[in-house]
PDB file of N, CA and C in Angstrom:
ATOM      1  N   MET A   1       3.622  11.270  17.840  1.00  0.00           N
ATOM      2  CA  MET A   1       4.610  12.352  17.990  1.00  0.00           C
ATOM      3  C   MET A   1       4.438  13.353  16.843  1.00  0.00           C
ATOM      4  N   ASN A   2       4.261  14.621  17.181  1.00  0.00           N
ATOM      5  CA  ASN A   2       4.068  15.605  16.117  1.00  0.00           C
ATOM      6  C   ASN A   2       5.384  15.994  15.460  1.00  0.00           C
ATOM      7  N   ARG A   3       5.275  16.760  14.398  1.00  0.00           N
ATOM      8  CA  ARG A   3       6.422  17.084  13.561  1.00  0.00           C
ATOM      9  C   ARG A   3       7.514  17.822  14.333  1.00  0.00           C
ATOM     10  N   ASP A   4       7.137  18.788  15.165  1.00  0.00           N
ATOM     11  CA  ASP A   4       8.124  19.567  15.915  1.00  0.00           C
ATOM     12  C   ASP A   4       8.908  18.703  16.889  1.00  0.00           C
ATOM     13  N   ASN A   5       8.197  17.842  17.618  1.00  0.00           N
ATOM     14  CA  ASN A   5       8.875  16.932  18.545  1.00  0.00           C
ATOM     15  C   ASN A   5       9.847  16.020  17.825  1.00  0.00           C
ATOM     16  N   LYS A   6       9.437  15.581  16.638  1.00  0.00           N
ATOM     17  CA  LYS A   6      10.285  14.695  15.841  1.00  0.00           C
ATOM     18  C   LYS A   6      11.556  15.433  15.431  1.00  0.00           C
ATOM     19  N   LEU A   7      11.405  16.689  14.992  1.00  0.00           N
ATOM     20  CA  LEU A   7      12.555  17.503  14.605  1.00  0.00           C
ATOM     21  C   LEU A   7      13.492  17.705  15.788  1.00  0.00           C
ATOM     22  N   ILE A   8      12.914  17.995  16.949  1.00  0.00           N
ATOM     23  CA  ILE A   8      13.724  18.238  18.147  1.00  0.00           C
ATOM     24  C   ILE A   8      14.509  16.989  18.537  1.00  0.00           C
ATOM     25  N   SER A   9      13.847  15.833  18.516  1.00  0.00           N
ATOM     26  CA  SER A   9      14.542  14.602  18.897  1.00  0.00           C
ATOM     27  C   SER A   9      15.624  14.246  17.880  1.00  0.00           C
ATOM     28  N   LEU A  10      15.375  14.506  16.596  1.00  0.00           N
ATOM     29  CA  LEU A  10      16.393  14.261  15.571  1.00  0.00           C
ATOM     30  C   LEU A  10      17.577  15.194  15.782  1.00  0.00           C
ATOM     31  N   ALA A  11      17.298  16.440  16.113  1.00  0.00           N
ATOM     32  CA  ALA A  11      18.363  17.412  16.346  1.00  0.00           C
ATOM     33  C   ALA A  11      19.210  17.017  17.556  1.00  0.00           C
ATOM     34  N   LYS A  12      18.552  16.548  18.607  1.00  0.00           N
ATOM     35  CA  LYS A  12      19.276  16.101  19.808  1.00  0.00           C
ATOM     36  C   LYS A  12      20.187  14.924  19.488  1.00  0.00           C
ATOM     37  N   LEU A  13      19.653  13.981  18.717  1.00  0.00           N
ATOM     38  CA  LEU A  13      20.425  12.807  18.329  1.00  0.00           C
ATOM     39  C   LEU A  13      21.630  13.238  17.496  1.00  0.00           C
ATOM     40  N   ASN A  14      21.384  14.174  16.573  1.00  0.00           N
ATOM     41  CA  ASN A  14      22.431  14.707  15.715  1.00  0.00           C
ATOM     42  C   ASN A  14      23.540  15.340  16.559  1.00  0.00           C
ATOM     43  N   ARG A  15      23.154  16.104  17.569  1.00  0.00           N
ATOM     44  CA  ARG A  15      24.109  16.771  18.454  1.00  0.00           C
ATOM     45  C   ARG A  15      24.927  15.746  19.223  1.00  0.00           C
ATOM     46  N   LYS A  16      24.269  14.706  19.707  1.00  0.00           N
ATOM     47  CA  LYS A  16      24.975  13.634  20.425  1.00  0.00           C
ATOM     48  C   LYS A  16      26.028  13.002  19.532  1.00  0.00           C
ATOM     49  N   ILE A  17      25.669  12.801  18.266  1.00  0.00           N
ATOM     50  CA  ILE A  17      26.592  12.172  17.321  1.00  0.00           C
ATOM     51  C   ILE A  17      27.795  13.081  17.082  1.00  0.00           C
ATOM     52  N   ILE A  18      27.554  14.387  16.967  1.00  0.00           N
ATOM     53  CA  ILE A  18      28.648  15.322  16.692  1.00  0.00           C
ATOM     54  C   ILE A  18      29.593  15.416  17.891  1.00  0.00           C
ATOM     55  N   TYR A  19      29.029  15.570  19.100  1.00  0.00           N
ATOM     56  CA  TYR A  19      29.870  15.854  20.268  1.00  0.00           C
ATOM     57  C   TYR A  19      30.282  14.620  21.056  1.00  0.00           C
ATOM     58  N   GLY A  20      29.595  13.496  20.800  1.00  0.00           N
ATOM     59  CA  GLY A  20      29.937  12.270  21.515  1.00  0.00           C
ATOM     60  C   GLY A  20      31.323  11.791  21.107  1.00  0.00           C
ATOM     61  N   ASN A  21      32.031  11.171  22.030  1.00  0.00           N
ATOM     62  CA  ASN A  21      33.341  10.623  21.666  1.00  0.00           C
ATOM     63  C   ASN A  21      33.190   9.132  21.408  1.00  0.00           C
ATOM     64  N   TYR A  22      33.086   8.813  20.125  1.00  0.00           N
ATOM     65  CA  TYR A  22      32.871   7.440  19.693  1.00  0.00           C
ATOM     66  C   TYR A  22      34.158   6.886  19.094  1.00  0.00           C
ATOM     67  N   ASN A  23      34.284   5.572  19.095  1.00  0.00           N
ATOM     68  CA  ASN A  23      35.443   4.983  18.445  1.00  0.00           C
ATOM     69  C   ASN A  23      35.281   5.038  16.927  1.00  0.00           C
ATOM     70  N   LYS A  24      36.373   4.812  16.218  1.00  0.00           N
ATOM     71  CA  LYS A  24      36.395   4.996  14.763  1.00  0.00           C
ATOM     72  C   LYS A  24      35.370   4.128  14.022  1.00  0.00           C
ATOM     73  N   LYS A  25      35.217   2.902  14.458  1.00  0.00           N
ATOM     74  CA  LYS A  25      34.313   1.990  13.760  1.00  0.00           C
ATOM     75  C   LYS A  25      32.876   2.504  13.788  1.00  0.00           C
ATOM     76  N   SER A  26      32.435   2.970  14.964  1.00  0.00           N
ATOM     77  CA  SER A  26      31.064   3.470  15.061  1.00  0.00           C
ATOM     78  C   SER A  26      30.940   4.854  14.427  1.00  0.00           C
ATOM     79  N   LEU A  27      32.065   5.577  14.296  1.00  0.00           N
ATOM     80  CA  LEU A  27      32.023   6.907  13.677  1.00  0.00           C
ATOM     81  C   LEU A  27      31.536   6.849  12.230  1.00  0.00           C
ATOM     82  N   THR A  28      32.036   5.882  11.467  1.00  0.00           N
ATOM     83  CA  THR A  28      31.599   5.782  10.068  1.00  0.00           C
ATOM     84  C   THR A  28      30.107   5.477  10.007  1.00  0.00           C
ATOM     85  N   PHE A  29      29.654   4.597  10.889  1.00  0.00           N
ATOM     86  CA  PHE A  29      28.227   4.277  10.964  1.00  0.00           C
ATOM     87  C   PHE A  29      27.415   5.518  11.320  1.00  0.00           C
ATOM     88  N   LEU A  30      27.923   6.293  12.274  1.00  0.00           N
ATOM     89  CA  LEU A  30      27.206   7.478  12.734  1.00  0.00           C
ATOM     90  C   LEU A  30      27.167   8.569  11.656  1.00  0.00           C
ATOM     91  N   LYS A  31      28.236   8.651  10.852  1.00  0.00           N
ATOM     92  CA  LYS A  31      28.233   9.616   9.747  1.00  0.00           C
ATOM     93  C   LYS A  31      27.117   9.288   8.763  1.00  0.00           C
ATOM     94  N   VAL A  32      26.958   8.006   8.476  1.00  0.00           N
ATOM     95  CA  VAL A  32      25.880   7.556   7.597  1.00  0.00           C
ATOM     96  C   VAL A  32      24.528   7.895   8.235  1.00  0.00           C
ATOM     97  N   LEU A  33      24.423   7.638   9.528  1.00  0.00           N
ATOM     98  CA  LEU A  33      23.198   7.925  10.264  1.00  0.00           C
ATOM     99  C   LEU A  33      22.857   9.413  10.198  1.00  0.00           C
ATOM    100  N   ARG A  34      23.877  10.262  10.302  1.00  0.00           N
ATOM    101  CA  ARG A  34      23.654  11.711  10.245  1.00  0.00           C
ATOM    102  C   ARG A  34      23.110  12.140   8.889  1.00  0.00           C
ATOM    103  N   VAL A  35      23.622  11.539   7.832  1.00  0.00           N
ATOM    104  CA  VAL A  35      23.125  11.846   6.486  1.00  0.00           C
ATOM    105  C   VAL A  35      21.638  11.488   6.399  1.00  0.00           C
ATOM    106  N   ILE A  36      21.296  10.315   6.936  1.00  0.00           N
ATOM    107  CA  ILE A  36      19.904   9.871   6.934  1.00  0.00           C
ATOM    108  C   ILE A  36      19.041  10.831   7.748  1.00  0.00           C
ATOM    109  N   LEU A  37      19.533  11.229   8.918  1.00  0.00           N
ATOM    110  CA  LEU A  37      18.793  12.159   9.775  1.00  0.00           C
ATOM    111  C   LEU A  37      18.552  13.485   9.070  1.00  0.00           C
ATOM    112  N   LYS A  38      19.578  13.992   8.389  1.00  0.00           N
ATOM    113  CA  LYS A  38      19.445  15.264   7.678  1.00  0.00           C
ATOM    114  C   LYS A  38      18.392  15.173   6.587  1.00  0.00           C
ATOM    115  N   LYS A  39      18.362  14.039   5.887  1.00  0.00           N
ATOM    116  CA  LYS A  39      17.346  13.819   4.848  1.00  0.00           C
ATOM    117  C   LYS A  39      15.955  13.808   5.467  1.00  0.00           C
ATOM    118  N   GLN A  40      15.817  13.136   6.607  1.00  0.00           N
ATOM    119  CA  GLN A  40      14.529  13.068   7.291  1.00  0.00           C
ATOM    120  C   GLN A  40      14.077  14.453   7.732  1.00  0.00           C
ATOM    121  N   ILE A  41      15.019  15.247   8.261  1.00  0.00           N
ATOM    122  CA  ILE A  41      14.702  16.609   8.700  1.00  0.00           C
ATOM    123  C   ILE A  41      14.237  17.448   7.515  1.00  0.00           C
ATOM    124  N   LYS A  42      14.937  17.340   6.396  1.00  0.00           N
ATOM    125  CA  LYS A  42      14.548  18.076   5.188  1.00  0.00           C
ATOM    126  C   LYS A  42      13.152  17.687   4.744  1.00  0.00           C
ATOM    127  N   GLN A  43      12.858  16.390   4.744  1.00  0.00           N
ATOM    128  CA  GLN A  43      11.533  15.901   4.348  1.00  0.00           C
ATOM    129  C   GLN A  43      10.456  16.464   5.271  1.00  0.00           C
ATOM    130  N   LEU A  44      10.755  16.508   6.573  1.00  0.00           N
ATOM    131  CA  LEU A  44       9.795  17.036   7.536  1.00  0.00           C
ATOM    132  C   LEU A  44       9.557  18.528   7.301  1.00  0.00           C
ATOM    133  N   GLU A  45      10.625  19.244   6.968  1.00  0.00           N
ATOM    134  CA  GLU A  45      10.499  20.682   6.728  1.00  0.00           C
ATOM    135  C   GLU A  45       9.712  20.961   5.451  1.00  0.00           C
ATOM    136  N   VAL A  46       9.868  20.097   4.458  1.00  0.00           N
ATOM    137  CA  VAL A  46       9.142  20.255   3.193  1.00  0.00           C
ATOM    138  C   VAL A  46       7.632  20.058   3.412  1.00  0.00           C
ATOM    139  N   LYS A  47       7.295  19.099   4.274  1.00  0.00           N
ATOM    140  CA  LYS A  47       5.886  18.796   4.549  1.00  0.00           C
ATOM    141  C   LYS A  47       5.152  19.941   5.244  1.00  0.00           C
ATOM    142  N   GLN A  48       5.881  20.846   5.836  1.00  0.00           N
ATOM    143  CA  GLN A  48       5.332  21.967   6.607  1.00  0.00           C
ATOM    144  C   GLN A  48       4.242  22.715   5.861  1.00  0.00           C
TER     145      GLN A  48
END
């Protein structure tokens, strides 16, 4: 999977997390996941 596809799939996942209606317990987990995703996206952008 190339860098652009990876960014797109991360962005889609991020959007699902923001707009999805999750229960409170999974919300805290998803917030942590979003932080990790953002770090990964930044790393991918730096590698450009």
